[in-house]
Amino acid sequence: MDRRSACLHQANAFREKAIADPEHQDQWVDEAIKWLERAMEAGRRAAITVESEDGCRSPEPAIRAPRLHG
């Protein structure tokens, strides 16, 4: 399981605790939010790098522009 999935799983566990334990619901919801934020951070950290012919590493562009034929 990757880090993002593990964080989402943990957030879901705290969400379920919030449902099952209304007396401490705010505490469990706060914990769930923390784990959701960690999942978002883990998703942002994923990066793809490519190595050019001269050996330099650079990030892969997130979106490639379509090639125009003309």
Protein backbone atom coordinates (compact mmCIF):
# COMPACT_ATOMS: atom_id res chain seq x y z
CA MET A 1 0.00 0.00 0.00
CA ASP A 2 1.43 3.40 -0.93
CA ARG A 3 1.64 6.30 1.54
CA ARG A 4 -1.39 8.13 0.13
CA SER A 5 -3.60 5.05 0.37
CA ALA A 6 -2.38 4.33 3.90
CA CYS A 7 -3.24 7.88 4.98
CA LEU A 8 -6.70 7.63 3.42
CA HIS A 9 -7.24 4.33 5.21
CA GLN A 10 -6.26 5.92 8.52
CA ALA A 11 -8.56 8.91 7.90
CA ASN A 12 -11.44 6.53 7.25
CA ALA A 13 -10.73 4.68 10.50
CA PHE A 14 -10.97 7.95 12.45
CA ARG A 15 -14.16 8.89 10.59
CA GLU A 16 -15.67 5.61 11.71
CA LYS A 17 -14.56 6.29 15.29
CA ALA A 18 -16.30 9.67 15.11
CA ILE A 19 -19.53 7.96 14.10
CA ALA A 20 -19.22 5.29 16.80
CA ASP A 21 -18.16 7.66 19.61
CA PRO A 22 -20.34 10.82 19.47
CA GLU A 23 -19.00 11.98 22.85
CA HIS A 24 -15.51 12.44 21.33
CA GLN A 25 -16.64 13.10 17.78
CA ASP A 26 -14.77 16.41 17.42
CA GLN A 27 -11.49 14.79 18.44
CA TRP A 28 -11.89 11.94 15.92
CA VAL A 29 -12.95 14.30 13.13
CA ASP A 30 -9.85 16.44 13.79
CA GLU A 31 -7.67 13.33 13.52
CA ALA A 32 -9.40 12.30 10.29
CA ILE A 33 -8.74 15.76 8.83
CA LYS A 34 -5.04 15.51 9.73
CA TRP A 35 -4.79 12.18 7.89
CA LEU A 36 -6.63 13.57 4.86
CA GLU A 37 -4.14 16.45 4.75
CA ARG A 38 -1.27 13.96 4.92
CA ALA A 39 -2.82 12.02 2.04
CA MET A 40 -3.00 15.21 -0.03
CA GLU A 41 0.67 15.97 0.74
CA ALA A 42 1.67 12.44 -0.23
CA GLY A 43 -0.15 12.86 -3.54
CA ARG A 44 1.67 16.12 -4.27
CA ARG A 45 5.09 14.64 -3.54
CA ALA A 46 4.81 12.12 -6.33
CA ALA A 47 7.12 13.26 -9.09
CA ILE A 48 8.46 11.76 -12.26
CA THR A 49 11.94 12.62 -13.39
CA VAL A 50 13.63 11.95 -16.69
CA GLU A 51 17.28 11.95 -17.56
CA SER A 52 18.40 13.86 -20.61
CA GLU A 53 21.17 12.82 -22.97
CA ASP A 54 23.70 14.97 -21.08
CA GLY A 55 22.87 13.20 -17.79
CA CYS A 56 20.94 16.08 -16.19
CA ARG A 57 17.77 15.19 -14.37
CA SER A 58 14.71 17.35 -14.76
CA PRO A 59 11.07 16.94 -13.77
CA GLU A 60 8.70 15.55 -16.37
CA PRO A 61 6.15 18.18 -17.42
CA ALA A 62 2.78 17.59 -15.80
CA ILE A 63 0.85 18.45 -18.95
CA ARG A 64 2.13 18.15 -22.46
CA ALA A 65 0.91 20.55 -25.09
CA PRO A 66 -0.69 18.86 -28.09
CA ARG A 67 1.39 18.80 -31.24
CA LEU A 68 0.04 20.95 -34.00
CA HIS A 69 0.23 19.50 -37.48
CA GLY A 70 0.29 22.03 -40.14
